Amino acid sequence: MNWPSFSSSVEEKSLSLKTAEAIGDKLPMLKKGKLLWWLEKKGVVMLPGVRYDEITSKGMTITTKEGNRQTLEADTVVTSLPLSPDEELLNTLKDKVPEVYLAGDCRNPRLIMTAIADGYHISRGL
């Protein structure tokens, strides 16, 4: 299968996979509509409800919600899971600097607007 490019200036294949039944299910409705419109305009292939089976040198093998197994060809597969806090930097810095604050995904993986709010609240308390 020949996947469309994310950007006309980039010669890479891009696609968005999500195991949820709806892509962008945790986004505010206004943002979700604009994002999905933009992704569609850019030719991004979106496949909700798939199961990830295997990553090989050829790409990623998935099973669709209809039960069809297929390999999506890709040079590189970037994962964004698991969604768990990463406190490695905190543990490295906590004994070396007077104050360290957790914000964003190192506190708890969430949406970008929540990470921005974390930074705002921390800065207001300084």
PDB file of N, CA and C in Angstrom:
ATOM      1  N   MET A   1       0.844  -1.174   0.000  1.00  0.00           N
ATOM      2  CA  MET A   1       0.000   0.000   0.000  1.00  0.00           C
ATOM      3  C   MET A   1       0.889   1.238   0.000  1.00  0.00           C
ATOM      4  N   ASN A   2       0.534   2.251  -0.750  1.00  0.00           N
ATOM      5  CA  ASN A   2       1.322   3.474  -0.844  1.00  0.00           C
ATOM      6  C   ASN A   2       0.685   4.551   0.038  1.00  0.00           C
ATOM      7  N   TRP A   3       1.332   4.885   1.152  1.00  0.00           N
ATOM      8  CA  TRP A   3       0.782   5.833   2.118  1.00  0.00           C
ATOM      9  C   TRP A   3       1.103   7.254   1.706  1.00  0.00           C
ATOM     10  N   PRO A   4       0.175   8.196   1.882  1.00  0.00           N
ATOM     11  CA  PRO A   4       0.431   9.584   1.512  1.00  0.00           C
ATOM     12  C   PRO A   4       1.414  10.252   2.462  1.00  0.00           C
ATOM     13  N   SER A   5       2.060  11.291   1.959  1.00  0.00           N
ATOM     14  CA  SER A   5       3.016  12.042   2.771  1.00  0.00           C
ATOM     15  C   SER A   5       2.292  12.977   3.713  1.00  0.00           C
ATOM     16  N   PHE A   6       2.905  13.212   4.878  1.00  0.00           N
ATOM     17  CA  PHE A   6       2.374  14.153   5.867  1.00  0.00           C
ATOM     18  C   PHE A   6       2.530  15.579   5.363  1.00  0.00           C
ATOM     19  N   SER A   7       3.618  15.835   4.692  1.00  0.00           N
ATOM     20  CA  SER A   7       3.909  17.167   4.179  1.00  0.00           C
ATOM     21  C   SER A   7       4.486  17.017   2.786  1.00  0.00           C
ATOM     22  N   SER A   8       4.119  17.920   1.890  1.00  0.00           N
ATOM     23  CA  SER A   8       4.613  17.820   0.527  1.00  0.00           C
ATOM     24  C   SER A   8       6.108  18.070   0.433  1.00  0.00           C
ATOM     25  N   SER A   9       6.699  18.703   1.460  1.00  0.00           N
ATOM     26  CA  SER A   9       8.125  18.982   1.432  1.00  0.00           C
ATOM     27  C   SER A   9       8.948  17.850   2.046  1.00  0.00           C
ATOM     28  N   VAL A  10       8.281  16.838   2.574  1.00  0.00           N
ATOM     29  CA  VAL A  10       8.970  15.730   3.216  1.00  0.00           C
ATOM     30  C   VAL A  10       8.672  14.457   2.436  1.00  0.00           C
ATOM     31  N   GLU A  11       9.688  13.658   2.186  1.00  0.00           N
ATOM     32  CA  GLU A  11       9.525  12.420   1.437  1.00  0.00           C
ATOM     33  C   GLU A  11       9.389  11.220   2.362  1.00  0.00           C
ATOM     34  N   GLU A  12       8.719  11.361   3.475  1.00  0.00           N
ATOM     35  CA  GLU A  12       8.540  10.281   4.432  1.00  0.00           C
ATOM     36  C   GLU A  12       7.085   9.870   4.472  1.00  0.00           C
ATOM     37  N   LYS A  13       6.843   8.633   4.872  1.00  0.00           N
ATOM     38  CA  LYS A  13       5.485   8.138   5.037  1.00  0.00           C
ATOM     39  C   LYS A  13       5.041   8.430   6.459  1.00  0.00           C
ATOM     40  N   SER A  14       3.809   8.899   6.622  1.00  0.00           N
ATOM     41  CA  SER A  14       3.297   9.200   7.955  1.00  0.00           C
ATOM     42  C   SER A  14       1.904   8.622   8.103  1.00  0.00           C
ATOM     43  N   LEU A  15       1.633   8.106   9.276  1.00  0.00           N
ATOM     44  CA  LEU A  15       0.287   7.687   9.570  1.00  0.00           C
ATOM     45  C   LEU A  15       0.084   7.742  11.064  1.00  0.00           C
ATOM     46  N   SER A  16      -1.165   7.814  11.470  1.00  0.00           N
ATOM     47  CA  SER A  16      -1.502   7.881  12.880  1.00  0.00           C
ATOM     48  C   SER A  16      -2.324   6.657  13.237  1.00  0.00           C
ATOM     49  N   LEU A  17      -1.864   5.911  14.228  1.00  0.00           N
ATOM     50  CA  LEU A  17      -2.588   4.723  14.676  1.00  0.00           C
ATOM     51  C   LEU A  17      -3.010   4.921  16.123  1.00  0.00           C
ATOM     52  N   LYS A  18      -4.192   4.503  16.441  1.00  0.00           N
ATOM     53  CA  LYS A  18      -4.666   4.624  17.807  1.00  0.00           C
ATOM     54  C   LYS A  18      -5.583   3.453  18.093  1.00  0.00           C
ATOM     55  N   THR A  19      -5.475   2.898  19.282  1.00  0.00           N
ATOM     56  CA  THR A  19      -6.305   1.745  19.607  1.00  0.00           C
ATOM     57  C   THR A  19      -7.728   2.144  20.009  1.00  0.00           C
ATOM     58  N   ALA A  20      -7.952   3.394  20.329  1.00  0.00           N
ATOM     59  CA  ALA A  20      -9.299   3.840  20.695  1.00  0.00           C
ATOM     60  C   ALA A  20     -10.219   3.776  19.476  1.00  0.00           C
ATOM     61  N   GLU A  21     -11.503   3.736  19.722  1.00  0.00           N
ATOM     62  CA  GLU A  21     -12.452   3.700  18.617  1.00  0.00           C
ATOM     63  C   GLU A  21     -12.519   5.038  17.895  1.00  0.00           C
ATOM     64  N   ALA A  22     -12.199   6.131  18.594  1.00  0.00           N
ATOM     65  CA  ALA A  22     -12.254   7.456  17.987  1.00  0.00           C
ATOM     66  C   ALA A  22     -10.917   8.164  18.185  1.00  0.00           C
ATOM     67  N   ILE A  23     -10.380   8.701  17.121  1.00  0.00           N
ATOM     68  CA  ILE A  23      -9.121   9.439  17.198  1.00  0.00           C
ATOM     69  C   ILE A  23      -9.398  10.796  17.818  1.00  0.00           C
ATOM     70  N   GLY A  24      -8.552  11.190  18.764  1.00  0.00           N
ATOM     71  CA  GLY A  24      -8.710  12.488  19.425  1.00  0.00           C
ATOM     72  C   GLY A  24      -9.811  12.499  20.462  1.00  0.00           C
ATOM     73  N   ASP A  25     -10.146  11.323  21.015  1.00  0.00           N
ATOM     74  CA  ASP A  25     -11.281  11.219  21.936  1.00  0.00           C
ATOM     75  C   ASP A  25     -11.127  12.021  23.225  1.00  0.00           C
ATOM     76  N   LYS A  26      -9.909  12.436  23.579  1.00  0.00           N
ATOM     77  CA  LYS A  26      -9.730  13.210  24.806  1.00  0.00           C
ATOM     78  C   LYS A  26      -9.493  14.694  24.540  1.00  0.00           C
ATOM     79  N   LEU A  27      -9.596  15.102  23.282  1.00  0.00           N
ATOM     80  CA  LEU A  27      -9.409  16.508  22.936  1.00  0.00           C
ATOM     81  C   LEU A  27     -10.727  17.263  23.068  1.00  0.00           C
ATOM     82  N   PRO A  28     -10.653  18.558  23.426  1.00  0.00           N
ATOM     83  CA  PRO A  28     -11.875  19.362  23.407  1.00  0.00           C
ATOM     84  C   PRO A  28     -12.463  19.369  21.993  1.00  0.00           C
ATOM     85  N   MET A  29     -13.774  19.382  21.865  1.00  0.00           N
ATOM     86  CA  MET A  29     -14.450  19.244  20.571  1.00  0.00           C
ATOM     87  C   MET A  29     -13.952  20.255  19.538  1.00  0.00           C
ATOM     88  N   LEU A  30     -13.778  21.523  19.922  1.00  0.00           N
ATOM     89  CA  LEU A  30     -13.328  22.545  18.970  1.00  0.00           C
ATOM     90  C   LEU A  30     -11.937  22.219  18.439  1.00  0.00           C
ATOM     91  N   LYS A  31     -11.035  21.844  19.329  1.00  0.00           N
ATOM     92  CA  LYS A  31      -9.665  21.495  18.925  1.00  0.00           C
ATOM     93  C   LYS A  31      -9.655  20.218  18.090  1.00  0.00           C
ATOM     94  N   LYS A  32     -10.457  19.244  18.484  1.00  0.00           N
ATOM     95  CA  LYS A  32     -10.495  17.963  17.778  1.00  0.00           C
ATOM     96  C   LYS A  32     -10.930  18.169  16.329  1.00  0.00           C
ATOM     97  N   GLY A  33     -11.967  18.947  16.132  1.00  0.00           N
ATOM     98  CA  GLY A  33     -12.460  19.201  14.777  1.00  0.00           C
ATOM     99  C   GLY A  33     -11.408  19.852  13.894  1.00  0.00           C
ATOM    100  N   LYS A  34     -10.738  20.859  14.426  1.00  0.00           N
ATOM    101  CA  LYS A  34      -9.703  21.552  13.660  1.00  0.00           C
ATOM    102  C   LYS A  34      -8.516  20.637  13.382  1.00  0.00           C
ATOM    103  N   LEU A  35      -8.091  19.847  14.378  1.00  0.00           N
ATOM    104  CA  LEU A  35      -6.961  18.950  14.204  1.00  0.00           C
ATOM    105  C   LEU A  35      -7.269  17.870  13.168  1.00  0.00           C
ATOM    106  N   LEU A  36      -8.417  17.229  13.278  1.00  0.00           N
ATOM    107  CA  LEU A  36      -8.766  16.173  12.332  1.00  0.00           C
ATOM    108  C   LEU A  36      -8.904  16.720  10.913  1.00  0.00           C
ATOM    109  N   TRP A  37      -9.462  17.930  10.765  1.00  0.00           N
ATOM    110  CA  TRP A  37      -9.557  18.566   9.454  1.00  0.00           C
ATOM    111  C   TRP A  37      -8.167  18.807   8.885  1.00  0.00           C
ATOM    112  N   TRP A  38      -7.249  19.318   9.708  1.00  0.00           N
ATOM    113  CA  TRP A  38      -5.886  19.615   9.259  1.00  0.00           C
ATOM    114  C   TRP A  38      -5.152  18.333   8.868  1.00  0.00           C
ATOM    115  N   LEU A  39      -5.267  17.288   9.681  1.00  0.00           N
ATOM    116  CA  LEU A  39      -4.614  16.015   9.371  1.00  0.00           C
ATOM    117  C   LEU A  39      -5.139  15.435   8.059  1.00  0.00           C
ATOM    118  N   GLU A  40      -6.454  15.503   7.872  1.00  0.00           N
ATOM    119  CA  GLU A  40      -7.045  15.005   6.631  1.00  0.00           C
ATOM    120  C   GLU A  40      -6.555  15.818   5.435  1.00  0.00           C
ATOM    121  N   LYS A  41      -6.488  17.121   5.585  1.00  0.00           N
ATOM    122  CA  LYS A  41      -6.007  18.007   4.523  1.00  0.00           C
ATOM    123  C   LYS A  41      -4.561  17.674   4.139  1.00  0.00           C
ATOM    124  N   LYS A  42      -3.758  17.271   5.126  1.00  0.00           N
ATOM    125  CA  LYS A  42      -2.361  16.921   4.886  1.00  0.00           C
ATOM    126  C   LYS A  42      -2.194  15.489   4.375  1.00  0.00           C
ATOM    127  N   GLY A  43      -3.290  14.734   4.299  1.00  0.00           N
ATOM    128  CA  GLY A  43      -3.218  13.385   3.758  1.00  0.00           C
ATOM    129  C   GLY A  43      -2.770  12.326   4.749  1.00  0.00           C
ATOM    130  N   VAL A  44      -2.914  12.595   6.038  1.00  0.00           N
ATOM    131  CA  VAL A  44      -2.518  11.622   7.047  1.00  0.00           C
ATOM    132  C   VAL A  44      -3.565  10.509   7.103  1.00  0.00           C
ATOM    133  N   VAL A  45      -3.097   9.276   7.023  1.00  0.00           N
ATOM    134  CA  VAL A  45      -3.973   8.119   7.104  1.00  0.00           C
ATOM    135  C   VAL A  45      -4.205   7.810   8.578  1.00  0.00           C
ATOM    136  N   MET A  46      -5.462   7.725   8.989  1.00  0.00           N
ATOM    137  CA  MET A  46      -5.786   7.453  10.386  1.00  0.00           C
ATOM    138  C   MET A  46      -6.564   6.146  10.461  1.00  0.00           C
ATOM    139  N   LEU A  47      -6.126   5.265  11.349  1.00  0.00           N
ATOM    140  CA  LEU A  47      -6.735   3.950  11.482  1.00  0.00           C
ATOM    141  C   LEU A  47      -7.128   3.704  12.939  1.00  0.00           C
ATOM    142  N   PRO A  48      -8.313   4.127  13.347  1.00  0.00           N
ATOM    143  CA  PRO A  48      -8.720   3.883  14.734  1.00  0.00           C
ATOM    144  C   PRO A  48      -9.107   2.427  14.952  1.00  0.00           C
ATOM    145  N   GLY A  49      -8.983   1.988  16.185  1.00  0.00           N
ATOM    146  CA  GLY A  49      -9.446   0.657  16.558  1.00  0.00           C
ATOM    147  C   GLY A  49      -8.590  -0.494  16.081  1.00  0.00           C
ATOM    148  N   VAL A  50      -7.305  -0.244  15.800  1.00  0.00           N
ATOM    149  CA  VAL A  50      -6.440  -1.340  15.360  1.00  0.00           C
ATOM    150  C   VAL A  50      -5.705  -1.953  16.540  1.00  0.00           C
ATOM    151  N   ARG A  51      -5.222  -3.170  16.346  1.00  0.00           N
ATOM    152  CA  ARG A  51      -4.368  -3.822  17.339  1.00  0.00           C
ATOM    153  C   ARG A  51      -2.973  -3.912  16.731  1.00  0.00           C
ATOM    154  N   TYR A  52      -1.973  -3.499  17.499  1.00  0.00           N
ATOM    155  CA  TYR A  52      -0.593  -3.564  17.034  1.00  0.00           C
ATOM    156  C   TYR A  52      -0.068  -4.962  17.320  1.00  0.00           C
ATOM    157  N   ASP A  53       0.391  -5.663  16.275  1.00  0.00           N
ATOM    158  CA  ASP A  53       0.844  -7.034  16.441  1.00  0.00           C
ATOM    159  C   ASP A  53       2.357  -7.160  16.500  1.00  0.00           C
ATOM    160  N   GLU A  54       3.052  -6.471  15.579  1.00  0.00           N
ATOM    161  CA  GLU A  54       4.479  -6.723  15.472  1.00  0.00           C
ATOM    162  C   GLU A  54       5.156  -5.578  14.713  1.00  0.00           C
ATOM    163  N   ILE A  55       6.376  -5.251  15.147  1.00  0.00           N
ATOM    164  CA  ILE A  55       7.213  -4.306  14.413  1.00  0.00           C
ATOM    165  C   ILE A  55       8.364  -5.104  13.818  1.00  0.00           C
ATOM    166  N   THR A  56       8.528  -4.998  12.499  1.00  0.00           N
ATOM    167  CA  THR A  56       9.585  -5.724  11.808  1.00  0.00           C
ATOM    168  C   THR A  56      10.424  -4.737  11.004  1.00  0.00           C
ATOM    169  N   SER A  57      11.409  -5.251  10.292  1.00  0.00           N
ATOM    170  CA  SER A  57      12.234  -4.392   9.449  1.00  0.00           C
ATOM    171  C   SER A  57      11.437  -3.814   8.280  1.00  0.00           C
ATOM    172  N   LYS A  58      10.264  -4.377   7.998  1.00  0.00           N
ATOM    173  CA  LYS A  58       9.420  -3.873   6.910  1.00  0.00           C
ATOM    174  C   LYS A  58       8.427  -2.817   7.376  1.00  0.00           C
ATOM    175  N   GLY A  59       8.142  -2.765   8.664  1.00  0.00           N
ATOM    176  CA  GLY A  59       7.159  -1.819   9.183  1.00  0.00           C
ATOM    177  C   GLY A  59       6.415  -2.408  10.368  1.00  0.00           C
ATOM    178  N   MET A  60       5.119  -2.112  10.459  1.00  0.00           N
ATOM    179  CA  MET A  60       4.311  -2.577  11.579  1.00  0.00           C
ATOM    180  C   MET A  60       3.154  -3.421  11.066  1.00  0.00           C
ATOM    181  N   THR A  61       2.961  -4.565  11.708  1.00  0.00           N
ATOM    182  CA  THR A  61       1.832  -5.432  11.373  1.00  0.00           C
ATOM    183  C   THR A  61       0.709  -5.138  12.350  1.00  0.00           C
ATOM    184  N   ILE A  62      -0.489  -4.918  11.801  1.00  0.00           N
ATOM    185  CA  ILE A  62      -1.660  -4.603  12.621  1.00  0.00           C
ATOM    186  C   ILE A  62      -2.796  -5.552  12.274  1.00  0.00           C
ATOM    187  N   THR A  63      -3.778  -5.582  13.155  1.00  0.00           N
ATOM    188  CA  THR A  63      -5.041  -6.253  12.874  1.00  0.00           C
ATOM    189  C   THR A  63      -6.129  -5.201  13.030  1.00  0.00           C
ATOM    190  N   THR A  64      -6.940  -5.024  11.999  1.00  0.00           N
ATOM    191  CA  THR A  64      -8.014  -4.031  12.039  1.00  0.00           C
ATOM    192  C   THR A  64      -9.161  -4.536  12.902  1.00  0.00           C
ATOM    193  N   LYS A  65     -10.084  -3.650  13.221  1.00  0.00           N
ATOM    194  CA  LYS A  65     -11.211  -4.066  14.051  1.00  0.00           C
ATOM    195  C   LYS A  65     -12.098  -5.079  13.337  1.00  0.00           C
ATOM    196  N   GLU A  66     -11.964  -5.167  11.997  1.00  0.00           N
ATOM    197  CA  GLU A  66     -12.688  -6.176  11.233  1.00  0.00           C
ATOM    198  C   GLU A  66     -11.969  -7.520  11.224  1.00  0.00           C
ATOM    199  N   GLY A  67     -10.753  -7.562  11.804  1.00  0.00           N
ATOM    200  CA  GLY A  67     -10.000  -8.802  11.875  1.00  0.00           C
ATOM    201  C   GLY A  67      -8.999  -9.009  10.748  1.00  0.00           C
ATOM    202  N   ASN A  68      -8.842  -8.018   9.882  1.00  0.00           N
ATOM    203  CA  ASN A  68      -7.884  -8.131   8.775  1.00  0.00           C
ATOM    204  C   ASN A  68      -6.484  -7.785   9.260  1.00  0.00           C
ATOM    205  N   ARG A  69      -5.535  -8.652   8.930  1.00  0.00           N
ATOM    206  CA  ARG A  69      -4.134  -8.445   9.316  1.00  0.00           C
ATOM    207  C   ARG A  69      -3.390  -7.869   8.119  1.00  0.00           C
ATOM    208  N   GLN A  70      -2.618  -6.791   8.365  1.00  0.00           N
ATOM    209  CA  GLN A  70      -1.849  -6.190   7.287  1.00  0.00           C
ATOM    210  C   GLN A  70      -0.575  -5.562   7.829  1.00  0.00           C
ATOM    211  N   THR A  71       0.406  -5.419   6.949  1.00  0.00           N
ATOM    212  CA  THR A  71       1.659  -4.770   7.322  1.00  0.00           C
ATOM    213  C   THR A  71       1.686  -3.378   6.721  1.00  0.00           C
ATOM    214  N   LEU A  72       1.915  -2.399   7.558  1.00  0.00           N
ATOM    215  CA  LEU A  72       2.057  -1.016   7.115  1.00  0.00           C
ATOM    216  C   LEU A  72       3.547  -0.760   6.936  1.00  0.00           C
ATOM    217  N   GLU A  73       3.956  -0.531   5.698  1.00  0.00           N
ATOM    218  CA  GLU A  73       5.373  -0.347   5.423  1.00  0.00           C
ATOM    219  C   GLU A  73       5.846   0.983   6.000  1.00  0.00           C
ATOM    220  N   ALA A  74       6.998   0.929   6.678  1.00  0.00           N
ATOM    221  CA  ALA A  74       7.578   2.134   7.267  1.00  0.00           C
ATOM    222  C   ALA A  74       9.058   1.915   7.506  1.00  0.00           C
ATOM    223  N   ASP A  75       9.823   2.974   7.332  1.00  0.00           N
ATOM    224  CA  ASP A  75      11.258   2.922   7.626  1.00  0.00           C
ATOM    225  C   ASP A  75      11.497   3.014   9.124  1.00  0.00           C
ATOM    226  N   THR A  76      10.661   3.802   9.801  1.00  0.00           N
ATOM    227  CA  THR A  76      10.816   4.057  11.228  1.00  0.00           C
ATOM    228  C   THR A  76       9.459   3.990  11.906  1.00  0.00           C
ATOM    229  N   VAL A  77       9.394   3.373  13.073  1.00  0.00           N
ATOM    230  CA  VAL A  77       8.175   3.340  13.876  1.00  0.00           C
ATOM    231  C   VAL A  77       8.500   4.027  15.203  1.00  0.00           C
ATOM    232  N   VAL A  78       7.740   5.059  15.529  1.00  0.00           N
ATOM    233  CA  VAL A  78       7.939   5.792  16.775  1.00  0.00           C
ATOM    234  C   VAL A  78       6.761   5.494  17.688  1.00  0.00           C
ATOM    235  N   THR A  79       7.043   4.987  18.863  1.00  0.00           N
ATOM    236  CA  THR A  79       5.960   4.688  19.805  1.00  0.00           C
ATOM    237  C   THR A  79       5.803   5.825  20.806  1.00  0.00           C
ATOM    238  N   SER A  80       4.604   5.981  21.309  1.00  0.00           N
ATOM    239  CA  SER A  80       4.367   6.995  22.334  1.00  0.00           C
ATOM    240  C   SER A  80       3.797   6.357  23.592  1.00  0.00           C
ATOM    241  N   LEU A  81       4.030   5.086  23.740  1.00  0.00           N
ATOM    242  CA  LEU A  81       3.540   4.365  24.906  1.00  0.00           C
ATOM    243  C   LEU A  81       4.703   3.692  25.607  1.00  0.00           C
ATOM    244  N   PRO A  82       4.682   3.367  26.815  1.00  0.00           N
ATOM    245  CA  PRO A  82       3.540   3.498  27.710  1.00  0.00           C
ATOM    246  C   PRO A  82       3.426   4.913  28.242  1.00  0.00           C
ATOM    247  N   LEU A  83       2.226   5.257  28.623  1.00  0.00           N
ATOM    248  CA  LEU A  83       1.999   6.565  29.220  1.00  0.00           C
ATOM    249  C   LEU A  83       2.227   6.446  30.720  1.00  0.00           C
ATOM    250  N   SER A  84       3.441   6.705  31.137  1.00  0.00           N
ATOM    251  CA  SER A  84       3.772   6.652  32.554  1.00  0.00           C
ATOM    252  C   SER A  84       4.758   7.771  32.858  1.00  0.00           C
ATOM    253  N   PRO A  85       4.693   8.297  34.074  1.00  0.00           N
ATOM    254  CA  PRO A  85       5.602   9.387  34.434  1.00  0.00           C
ATOM    255  C   PRO A  85       7.060   8.959  34.331  1.00  0.00           C
ATOM    256  N   ASP A  86       7.907   9.887  33.913  1.00  0.00           N
ATOM    257  CA  ASP A  86       9.343   9.639  33.842  1.00  0.00           C
ATOM    258  C   ASP A  86      10.013  10.576  34.843  1.00  0.00           C
ATOM    259  N   GLU A  87      10.416  10.036  35.970  1.00  0.00           N
ATOM    260  CA  GLU A  87      10.998  10.843  37.047  1.00  0.00           C
ATOM    261  C   GLU A  87      12.516  10.734  37.094  1.00  0.00           C
ATOM    262  N   GLU A  88      13.135  10.236  36.046  1.00  0.00           N
ATOM    263  CA  GLU A  88      14.587  10.062  36.024  1.00  0.00           C
ATOM    264  C   GLU A  88      15.325  11.388  36.219  1.00  0.00           C
ATOM    265  N   LEU A  89      14.922  12.418  35.492  1.00  0.00           N
ATOM    266  CA  LEU A  89      15.580  13.723  35.633  1.00  0.00           C
ATOM    267  C   LEU A  89      15.361  14.294  37.034  1.00  0.00           C
ATOM    268  N   LEU A  90      14.150  14.130  37.572  1.00  0.00           N
ATOM    269  CA  LEU A  90      13.872  14.591  38.932  1.00  0.00           C
ATOM    270  C   LEU A  90      14.819  13.933  39.925  1.00  0.00           C
ATOM    271  N   ASN A  91      14.956  12.636  39.828  1.00  0.00           N
ATOM    272  CA  ASN A  91      15.828  11.910  40.751  1.00  0.00           C
ATOM    273  C   ASN A  91      17.286  12.321  40.598  1.00  0.00           C
ATOM    274  N   THR A  92      17.686  12.673  39.397  1.00  0.00           N
ATOM    275  CA  THR A  92      19.056  13.124  39.149  1.00  0.00           C
ATOM    276  C   THR A  92      19.299  14.509  39.747  1.00  0.00           C
ATOM    277  N   LEU A  93      18.308  15.382  39.656  1.00  0.00           N
ATOM    278  CA  LEU A  93      18.487  16.781  40.072  1.00  0.00           C
ATOM    279  C   LEU A  93      18.133  17.091  41.519  1.00  0.00           C
ATOM    280  N   LYS A  94      17.284  16.296  42.149  1.00  0.00           N
ATOM    281  CA  LYS A  94      16.726  16.680  43.448  1.00  0.00           C
ATOM    282  C   LYS A  94      17.760  16.912  44.541  1.00  0.00           C
ATOM    283  N   ASP A  95      18.886  16.262  44.487  1.00  0.00           N
ATOM    284  CA  ASP A  95      19.918  16.484  45.497  1.00  0.00           C
ATOM    285  C   ASP A  95      20.991  17.467  45.031  1.00  0.00           C
ATOM    286  N   LYS A  96      20.850  18.001  43.819  1.00  0.00           N
ATOM    287  CA  LYS A  96      21.871  18.871  43.246  1.00  0.00           C
ATOM    288  C   LYS A  96      21.443  20.325  43.112  1.00  0.00           C
ATOM    289  N   VAL A  97      20.154  20.575  43.195  1.00  0.00           N
ATOM    290  CA  VAL A  97      19.638  21.945  43.079  1.00  0.00           C
ATOM    291  C   VAL A  97      18.670  22.208  44.229  1.00  0.00           C
ATOM    292  N   PRO A  98      18.498  23.481  44.595  1.00  0.00           N
ATOM    293  CA  PRO A  98      17.639  23.785  45.754  1.00  0.00           C
ATOM    294  C   PRO A  98      16.165  23.427  45.567  1.00  0.00           C
ATOM    295  N   GLU A  99      15.626  23.605  44.343  1.00  0.00           N
ATOM    296  CA  GLU A  99      14.204  23.332  44.121  1.00  0.00           C
ATOM    297  C   GLU A  99      14.006  22.669  42.764  1.00  0.00           C
ATOM    298  N   VAL A 100      13.146  21.667  42.727  1.00  0.00           N
ATOM    299  CA  VAL A 100      12.763  21.002  41.487  1.00  0.00           C
ATOM    300  C   VAL A 100      11.254  20.818  41.525  1.00  0.00           C
ATOM    301  N   TYR A 101      10.593  21.107  40.406  1.00  0.00           N
ATOM    302  CA  TYR A 101       9.146  20.981  40.330  1.00  0.00           C
ATOM    303  C   TYR A 101       8.768  20.039  39.196  1.00  0.00           C
ATOM    304  N   LEU A 102       7.784  19.208  39.451  1.00  0.00           N
ATOM    305  CA  LEU A 102       7.271  18.306  38.422  1.00  0.00           C
ATOM    306  C   LEU A 102       6.157  19.007  37.651  1.00  0.00           C
ATOM    307  N   ALA A 103       6.241  18.944  36.335  1.00  0.00           N
ATOM    308  CA  ALA A 103       5.200  19.514  35.472  1.00  0.00           C
ATOM    309  C   ALA A 103       5.101  18.667  34.221  1.00  0.00           C
ATOM    310  N   GLY A 104       3.938  18.675  33.627  1.00  0.00           N
ATOM    311  CA  GLY A 104       3.764  17.964  32.364  1.00  0.00           C
ATOM    312  C   GLY A 104       3.833  16.458  32.530  1.00  0.00           C
ATOM    313  N   ASP A 105       4.396  15.793  31.513  1.00  0.00           N
ATOM    314  CA  ASP A 105       4.403  14.329  31.486  1.00  0.00           C
ATOM    315  C   ASP A 105       5.275  13.683  32.550  1.00  0.00           C
ATOM    316  N   CYS A 106       6.263  14.399  33.096  1.00  0.00           N
ATOM    317  CA  CYS A 106       7.057  13.773  34.158  1.00  0.00           C
ATOM    318  C   CYS A 106       6.234  13.688  35.448  1.00  0.00           C
ATOM    319  N   ARG A 107       5.196  14.482  35.544  1.00  0.00           N
ATOM    320  CA  ARG A 107       4.294  14.413  36.705  1.00  0.00           C
ATOM    321  C   ARG A 107       3.229  13.344  36.477  1.00  0.00           C
ATOM    322  N   ASN A 108       2.566  13.453  35.332  1.00  0.00           N
ATOM    323  CA  ASN A 108       1.521  12.510  34.959  1.00  0.00           C
ATOM    324  C   ASN A 108       1.181  12.756  33.495  1.00  0.00           C
ATOM    325  N   PRO A 109       1.369  11.795  32.609  1.00  0.00           N
ATOM    326  CA  PRO A 109       1.093  12.016  31.192  1.00  0.00           C
ATOM    327  C   PRO A 109      -0.355  12.422  30.944  1.00  0.00           C
ATOM    328  N   ARG A 110      -0.495  13.582  30.322  1.00  0.00           N
ATOM    329  CA  ARG A 110      -1.824  14.125  30.004  1.00  0.00           C
ATOM    330  C   ARG A 110      -1.735  14.952  28.732  1.00  0.00           C
ATOM    331  N   LEU A 111      -2.706  15.795  28.499  1.00  0.00           N
ATOM    332  CA  LEU A 111      -2.715  16.654  27.330  1.00  0.00           C
ATOM    333  C   LEU A 111      -1.770  17.840  27.518  1.00  0.00           C
ATOM    334  N   ILE A 112      -1.325  18.434  26.408  1.00  0.00           N
ATOM    335  CA  ILE A 112      -0.383  19.545  26.452  1.00  0.00           C
ATOM    336  C   ILE A 112      -0.944  20.729  27.238  1.00  0.00           C
ATOM    337  N   MET A 113      -2.237  20.979  27.142  1.00  0.00           N
ATOM    338  CA  MET A 113      -2.791  22.137  27.862  1.00  0.00           C
ATOM    339  C   MET A 113      -2.708  21.933  29.383  1.00  0.00           C
ATOM    340  N   THR A 114      -2.746  20.696  29.830  1.00  0.00           N
ATOM    341  CA  THR A 114      -2.590  20.428  31.258  1.00  0.00           C
ATOM    342  C   THR A 114      -1.143  20.648  31.680  1.00  0.00           C
ATOM    343  N   ALA A 115      -0.200  20.290  30.815  1.00  0.00           N
ATOM    344  CA  ALA A 115       1.217  20.523  31.106  1.00  0.00           C
ATOM    345  C   ALA A 115       1.499  22.024  31.185  1.00  0.00           C
ATOM    346  N   ILE A 116       0.905  22.786  30.296  1.00  0.00           N
ATOM    347  CA  ILE A 116       1.068  24.249  30.327  1.00  0.00           C
ATOM    348  C   ILE A 116       0.483  24.810  31.618  1.00  0.00           C
ATOM    349  N   ALA A 117      -0.671  24.298  32.013  1.00  0.00           N
ATOM    350  CA  ALA A 117      -1.291  24.747  33.261  1.00  0.00           C
ATOM    351  C   ALA A 117      -0.408  24.410  34.461  1.00  0.00           C
ATOM    352  N   ASP A 118       0.233  23.239  34.442  1.00  0.00           N
ATOM    353  CA  ASP A 118       1.174  22.882  35.513  1.00  0.00           C
ATOM    354  C   ASP A 118       2.257  23.948  35.634  1.00  0.00           C
ATOM    355  N   GLY A 119       2.859  24.292  34.519  1.00  0.00           N
ATOM    356  CA  GLY A 119       3.918  25.311  34.518  1.00  0.00           C
ATOM    357  C   GLY A 119       3.418  26.646  35.028  1.00  0.00           C
ATOM    358  N   TYR A 120       2.217  27.021  34.627  1.00  0.00           N
ATOM    359  CA  TYR A 120       1.627  28.282  35.082  1.00  0.00           C
ATOM    360  C   TYR A 120       1.447  28.276  36.603  1.00  0.00           C
ATOM    361  N   HIS A 121       0.847  27.218  37.134  1.00  0.00           N
ATOM    362  CA  HIS A 121       0.593  27.146  38.575  1.00  0.00           C
ATOM    363  C   HIS A 121       1.880  27.101  39.381  1.00  0.00           C
ATOM    364  N   ILE A 122       2.884  26.396  38.874  1.00  0.00           N
ATOM    365  CA  ILE A 122       4.172  26.343  39.564  1.00  0.00           C
ATOM    366  C   ILE A 122       4.801  27.731  39.581  1.00  0.00           C
ATOM    367  N   SER A 123       4.788  28.408  38.441  1.00  0.00           N
ATOM    368  CA  SER A 123       5.416  29.737  38.366  1.00  0.00           C
ATOM    369  C   SER A 123       4.693  30.748  39.237  1.00  0.00           C
ATOM    370  N   ARG A 124       3.389  30.643  39.361  1.00  0.00           N
ATOM    371  CA  ARG A 124       2.612  31.562  40.224  1.00  0.00           C
ATOM    372  C   ARG A 124       2.960  31.352  41.695  1.00  0.00           C
ATOM    373  N   GLY A 125       3.374  30.141  42.029  1.00  0.00           N
ATOM    374  CA  GLY A 125       3.696  29.854  43.427  1.00  0.00           C
ATOM    375  C   GLY A 125       5.135  30.206  43.810  1.00  0.00           C
ATOM    376  N   LEU A 126       5.957  30.626  42.864  1.00  0.00           N
ATOM    377  CA  LEU A 126       7.347  30.962  43.186  1.00  0.00           C
ATOM    378  C   LEU A 126       7.467  32.339  43.800  1.00  0.00           C
TER     379      LEU A 126
END
